[in-house]
Amino acid sequence: MDIKVNAKAHENQDGLKEYYSLELNKRFAKYVFIKEVILKIKDIKKDGIEVSLELEVENSNKMFAKSVEETEPKAYKSVVSKINRQIEKYKEVHYKSN
């Protein structure tokens, strides 16, 4: 699984990329159908922090989720929750037992 972290203008690029790469790997490595994860973090000033996740999965379109919250941790938690619902739906469709 390839992981990309894009957070232009973030004050701690190296630490941020290392932290989120480890976190995303831990969270999504168990899903063999996920081929690529792209995390984007953007400060949108008055509205807060925007965090988006894009997942490339085999035999399907990409999954995408976005969240805007007042803090980065809240936005990250929210976007992970949203993408997890899509992952569960994908698993039901592609891996359900008969």
N, C-alpha and C. Protein backbone atom coordinates (compact mmCIF):
# COMPACT_ATOMS: atom_id res chain seq x y z
N MET A 1 0.85 -1.17 0.00
CA MET A 1 0.00 0.00 0.00
C MET A 1 0.90 1.23 0.00
N ASP A 2 0.63 2.11 -0.92
CA ASP A 2 1.38 3.36 -1.04
C ASP A 2 0.63 4.45 -0.26
N ILE A 3 1.37 5.22 0.54
CA ILE A 3 0.76 6.29 1.34
C ILE A 3 1.41 7.61 0.98
N LYS A 4 0.57 8.60 0.67
CA LYS A 4 1.06 9.94 0.36
C LYS A 4 0.38 10.93 1.30
N VAL A 5 1.18 11.82 1.86
CA VAL A 5 0.66 12.85 2.76
C VAL A 5 0.99 14.20 2.14
N ASN A 6 -0.02 15.01 1.90
CA ASN A 6 0.16 16.31 1.29
C ASN A 6 -0.39 17.37 2.25
N ALA A 7 0.52 18.17 2.79
CA ALA A 7 0.11 19.23 3.72
C ALA A 7 0.95 20.47 3.46
N LYS A 8 0.72 21.08 2.33
CA LYS A 8 1.47 22.28 1.97
C LYS A 8 1.30 23.35 3.04
N ALA A 9 2.37 24.03 3.33
CA ALA A 9 2.40 25.14 4.29
C ALA A 9 2.24 24.69 5.73
N HIS A 10 2.27 23.40 5.99
CA HIS A 10 2.22 22.94 7.38
C HIS A 10 3.59 23.17 8.00
N GLU A 11 3.63 23.60 9.24
CA GLU A 11 4.88 23.99 9.89
C GLU A 11 5.83 22.83 10.17
N ASN A 12 5.33 21.61 10.28
CA ASN A 12 6.18 20.47 10.62
C ASN A 12 6.01 19.36 9.59
N GLN A 13 6.49 19.59 8.38
CA GLN A 13 6.30 18.65 7.27
C GLN A 13 6.81 17.24 7.57
N ASP A 14 8.07 17.13 8.00
CA ASP A 14 8.67 15.81 8.20
C ASP A 14 7.97 15.03 9.30
N GLY A 15 7.75 15.66 10.43
CA GLY A 15 7.08 14.99 11.54
C GLY A 15 5.66 14.60 11.19
N LEU A 16 4.98 15.48 10.50
CA LEU A 16 3.60 15.24 10.08
C LEU A 16 3.51 14.04 9.15
N LYS A 17 4.37 14.02 8.14
CA LYS A 17 4.35 12.92 7.17
C LYS A 17 4.68 11.60 7.84
N GLU A 18 5.65 11.61 8.72
CA GLU A 18 6.03 10.37 9.42
C GLU A 18 4.87 9.89 10.30
N TYR A 19 4.29 10.80 11.07
CA TYR A 19 3.18 10.43 11.97
C TYR A 19 2.00 9.85 11.19
N TYR A 20 1.54 10.57 10.17
CA TYR A 20 0.36 10.11 9.43
C TYR A 20 0.66 8.88 8.59
N SER A 21 1.87 8.73 8.08
CA SER A 21 2.21 7.51 7.34
C SER A 21 2.10 6.29 8.24
N LEU A 22 2.63 6.39 9.44
CA LEU A 22 2.52 5.28 10.40
C LEU A 22 1.07 5.03 10.80
N GLU A 23 0.35 6.09 11.09
CA GLU A 23 -1.05 5.99 11.52
C GLU A 23 -1.92 5.37 10.42
N LEU A 24 -1.76 5.84 9.20
CA LEU A 24 -2.56 5.31 8.10
C LEU A 24 -2.20 3.87 7.78
N ASN A 25 -0.93 3.54 7.85
CA ASN A 25 -0.51 2.16 7.61
C ASN A 25 -1.12 1.23 8.66
N LYS A 26 -1.05 1.65 9.91
CA LYS A 26 -1.61 0.85 11.00
C LYS A 26 -3.12 0.66 10.81
N ARG A 27 -3.79 1.70 10.39
CA ARG A 27 -5.24 1.68 10.27
C ARG A 27 -5.74 0.88 9.05
N PHE A 28 -5.02 0.98 7.91
CA PHE A 28 -5.54 0.43 6.66
C PHE A 28 -4.76 -0.76 6.10
N ALA A 29 -3.64 -1.15 6.68
CA ALA A 29 -2.83 -2.25 6.14
C ALA A 29 -3.58 -3.58 6.11
N LYS A 30 -4.53 -3.75 7.00
CA LYS A 30 -5.28 -5.01 7.06
C LYS A 30 -6.20 -5.21 5.86
N TYR A 31 -6.44 -4.16 5.11
CA TYR A 31 -7.31 -4.25 3.94
C TYR A 31 -6.45 -4.43 2.69
N VAL A 32 -6.34 -5.66 2.22
CA VAL A 32 -5.45 -5.97 1.10
C VAL A 32 -5.91 -5.33 -0.21
N PHE A 33 -7.16 -4.94 -0.28
CA PHE A 33 -7.69 -4.35 -1.51
C PHE A 33 -7.36 -2.86 -1.65
N ILE A 34 -6.83 -2.22 -0.60
CA ILE A 34 -6.44 -0.81 -0.69
C ILE A 34 -5.03 -0.73 -1.25
N LYS A 35 -4.89 -0.05 -2.37
CA LYS A 35 -3.61 0.04 -3.06
C LYS A 35 -2.87 1.35 -2.77
N GLU A 36 -3.63 2.43 -2.57
CA GLU A 36 -3.00 3.73 -2.33
C GLU A 36 -3.90 4.57 -1.42
N VAL A 37 -3.25 5.32 -0.52
CA VAL A 37 -3.94 6.23 0.38
C VAL A 37 -3.32 7.61 0.21
N ILE A 38 -4.15 8.61 -0.04
CA ILE A 38 -3.67 9.99 -0.15
C ILE A 38 -4.39 10.83 0.90
N LEU A 39 -3.62 11.41 1.80
CA LEU A 39 -4.15 12.28 2.85
C LEU A 39 -3.75 13.71 2.52
N LYS A 40 -4.72 14.61 2.52
CA LYS A 40 -4.45 16.03 2.28
C LYS A 40 -4.95 16.83 3.47
N ILE A 41 -4.10 17.74 3.94
CA ILE A 41 -4.45 18.61 5.06
C ILE A 41 -4.28 20.05 4.59
N LYS A 42 -5.33 20.85 4.80
CA LYS A 42 -5.29 22.23 4.32
C LYS A 42 -5.93 23.15 5.36
N ASP A 43 -5.24 24.22 5.67
CA ASP A 43 -5.78 25.24 6.58
C ASP A 43 -6.63 26.19 5.74
N ILE A 44 -7.92 26.23 6.02
CA ILE A 44 -8.80 27.12 5.26
C ILE A 44 -9.23 28.32 6.11
N LYS A 45 -8.29 28.78 6.88
CA LYS A 45 -8.40 29.99 7.69
C LYS A 45 -9.64 30.03 8.56
N LYS A 46 -10.61 30.85 8.24
CA LYS A 46 -11.74 31.09 9.14
C LYS A 46 -12.61 29.86 9.38
N ASP A 47 -12.62 28.91 8.44
CA ASP A 47 -13.46 27.72 8.60
C ASP A 47 -12.77 26.60 9.35
N GLY A 48 -11.47 26.67 9.51
CA GLY A 48 -10.75 25.63 10.25
C GLY A 48 -9.80 24.85 9.37
N ILE A 49 -9.69 23.56 9.65
CA ILE A 49 -8.77 22.68 8.95
C ILE A 49 -9.57 21.68 8.11
N GLU A 50 -9.18 21.55 6.85
CA GLU A 50 -9.81 20.58 5.97
C GLU A 50 -8.88 19.38 5.83
N VAL A 51 -9.41 18.20 6.08
CA VAL A 51 -8.66 16.96 5.91
C VAL A 51 -9.44 16.09 4.94
N SER A 52 -8.75 15.57 3.92
CA SER A 52 -9.41 14.67 2.98
C SER A 52 -8.60 13.40 2.82
N LEU A 53 -9.30 12.32 2.55
CA LEU A 53 -8.68 11.02 2.31
C LEU A 53 -9.20 10.49 0.98
N GLU A 54 -8.27 10.02 0.16
CA GLU A 54 -8.63 9.37 -1.09
C GLU A 54 -7.97 8.00 -1.09
N LEU A 55 -8.76 6.97 -1.34
CA LEU A 55 -8.26 5.60 -1.35
C LEU A 55 -8.46 5.00 -2.73
N GLU A 56 -7.39 4.43 -3.26
CA GLU A 56 -7.50 3.68 -4.50
C GLU A 56 -7.63 2.21 -4.12
N VAL A 57 -8.72 1.61 -4.56
CA VAL A 57 -8.98 0.22 -4.22
C VAL A 57 -9.08 -0.60 -5.49
N GLU A 58 -8.77 -1.89 -5.37
CA GLU A 58 -8.82 -2.73 -6.56
C GLU A 58 -10.27 -2.99 -6.97
N ASN A 59 -10.47 -3.10 -8.27
CA ASN A 59 -11.78 -3.43 -8.85
C ASN A 59 -12.89 -2.46 -8.49
N SER A 60 -12.56 -1.19 -8.30
CA SER A 60 -13.59 -0.22 -7.93
C SER A 60 -13.11 1.20 -8.22
N ASN A 61 -14.04 2.13 -8.14
CA ASN A 61 -13.67 3.54 -8.21
C ASN A 61 -12.95 3.94 -6.93
N LYS A 62 -12.33 5.09 -6.95
CA LYS A 62 -11.66 5.58 -5.74
C LYS A 62 -12.70 5.95 -4.69
N MET A 63 -12.29 5.82 -3.44
CA MET A 63 -13.12 6.27 -2.32
C MET A 63 -12.60 7.64 -1.90
N PHE A 64 -13.51 8.52 -1.49
CA PHE A 64 -13.11 9.86 -1.09
C PHE A 64 -13.98 10.34 0.06
N ALA A 65 -13.33 11.01 1.01
CA ALA A 65 -14.06 11.64 2.12
C ALA A 65 -13.33 12.91 2.51
N LYS A 66 -14.10 13.89 2.99
CA LYS A 66 -13.52 15.17 3.39
C LYS A 66 -14.25 15.66 4.63
N SER A 67 -13.50 16.34 5.49
CA SER A 67 -14.09 16.91 6.70
C SER A 67 -13.41 18.24 7.01
N VAL A 68 -14.20 19.18 7.49
CA VAL A 68 -13.68 20.48 7.94
C VAL A 68 -14.08 20.64 9.40
N GLU A 69 -13.09 20.83 10.24
CA GLU A 69 -13.32 21.02 11.68
C GLU A 69 -12.40 22.13 12.18
N GLU A 70 -12.60 22.52 13.43
CA GLU A 70 -11.77 23.60 13.98
C GLU A 70 -10.35 23.17 14.28
N THR A 71 -10.11 21.87 14.46
CA THR A 71 -8.75 21.39 14.72
C THR A 71 -8.42 20.22 13.78
N GLU A 72 -7.13 20.03 13.56
CA GLU A 72 -6.66 18.94 12.70
C GLU A 72 -7.04 17.56 13.24
N PRO A 73 -6.84 17.29 14.54
CA PRO A 73 -7.23 15.97 15.06
C PRO A 73 -8.72 15.66 14.89
N LYS A 74 -9.58 16.65 15.10
CA LYS A 74 -11.02 16.44 14.93
C LYS A 74 -11.36 16.15 13.47
N ALA A 75 -10.75 16.91 12.57
CA ALA A 75 -11.01 16.71 11.14
C ALA A 75 -10.51 15.34 10.70
N TYR A 76 -9.34 14.93 11.19
CA TYR A 76 -8.79 13.61 10.84
C TYR A 76 -9.70 12.49 11.34
N LYS A 77 -10.13 12.59 12.59
CA LYS A 77 -11.01 11.57 13.17
C LYS A 77 -12.32 11.46 12.37
N SER A 78 -12.86 12.60 12.00
CA SER A 78 -14.11 12.63 11.25
C SER A 78 -13.95 12.01 9.86
N VAL A 79 -12.87 12.35 9.17
CA VAL A 79 -12.67 11.84 7.81
C VAL A 79 -12.39 10.34 7.84
N VAL A 80 -11.70 9.86 8.85
CA VAL A 80 -11.46 8.41 8.98
C VAL A 80 -12.78 7.68 9.21
N SER A 81 -13.64 8.25 10.03
CA SER A 81 -14.95 7.65 10.27
C SER A 81 -15.76 7.56 8.97
N LYS A 82 -15.72 8.62 8.18
CA LYS A 82 -16.45 8.63 6.91
C LYS A 82 -15.90 7.60 5.94
N ILE A 83 -14.58 7.49 5.84
CA ILE A 83 -13.99 6.55 4.89
C ILE A 83 -14.19 5.11 5.37
N ASN A 84 -14.22 4.91 6.68
CA ASN A 84 -14.46 3.55 7.20
C ASN A 84 -15.82 3.02 6.79
N ARG A 85 -16.83 3.89 6.74
CA ARG A 85 -18.16 3.46 6.30
C ARG A 85 -18.10 2.98 4.84
N GLN A 86 -17.33 3.69 4.02
CA GLN A 86 -17.19 3.29 2.62
C GLN A 86 -16.44 1.97 2.49
N ILE A 87 -15.42 1.78 3.32
CA ILE A 87 -14.65 0.53 3.30
C ILE A 87 -15.55 -0.64 3.68
N GLU A 88 -16.36 -0.47 4.72
CA GLU A 88 -17.26 -1.54 5.14
C GLU A 88 -18.26 -1.88 4.04
N LYS A 89 -18.77 -0.88 3.37
CA LYS A 89 -19.71 -1.11 2.27
C LYS A 89 -19.01 -1.87 1.13
N TYR A 90 -17.78 -1.48 0.82
CA TYR A 90 -16.99 -2.16 -0.21
C TYR A 90 -16.80 -3.63 0.15
N LYS A 91 -16.45 -3.88 1.40
CA LYS A 91 -16.25 -5.26 1.86
C LYS A 91 -17.53 -6.08 1.72
N GLU A 92 -18.67 -5.49 2.07
CA GLU A 92 -19.95 -6.19 1.95
C GLU A 92 -20.23 -6.60 0.51
N VAL A 93 -19.96 -5.69 -0.41
CA VAL A 93 -20.26 -5.94 -1.81
C VAL A 93 -19.27 -6.94 -2.43
N HIS A 94 -17.99 -6.78 -2.14
CA HIS A 94 -16.97 -7.57 -2.82
C HIS A 94 -16.51 -8.82 -2.07
N TYR A 95 -16.78 -8.90 -0.79
CA TYR A 95 -16.25 -10.02 -0.01
C TYR A 95 -17.31 -10.72 0.84
N LYS A 96 -18.57 -10.55 0.52
CA LYS A 96 -19.60 -11.18 1.36
C LYS A 96 -19.59 -12.69 1.16
N SER A 97 -19.88 -13.40 2.23
CA SER A 97 -19.90 -14.86 2.20
C SER A 97 -21.25 -15.35 1.69
N ASN A 98 -21.21 -16.39 0.93
CA ASN A 98 -22.46 -16.98 0.42
C ASN A 98 -22.75 -18.26 1.14
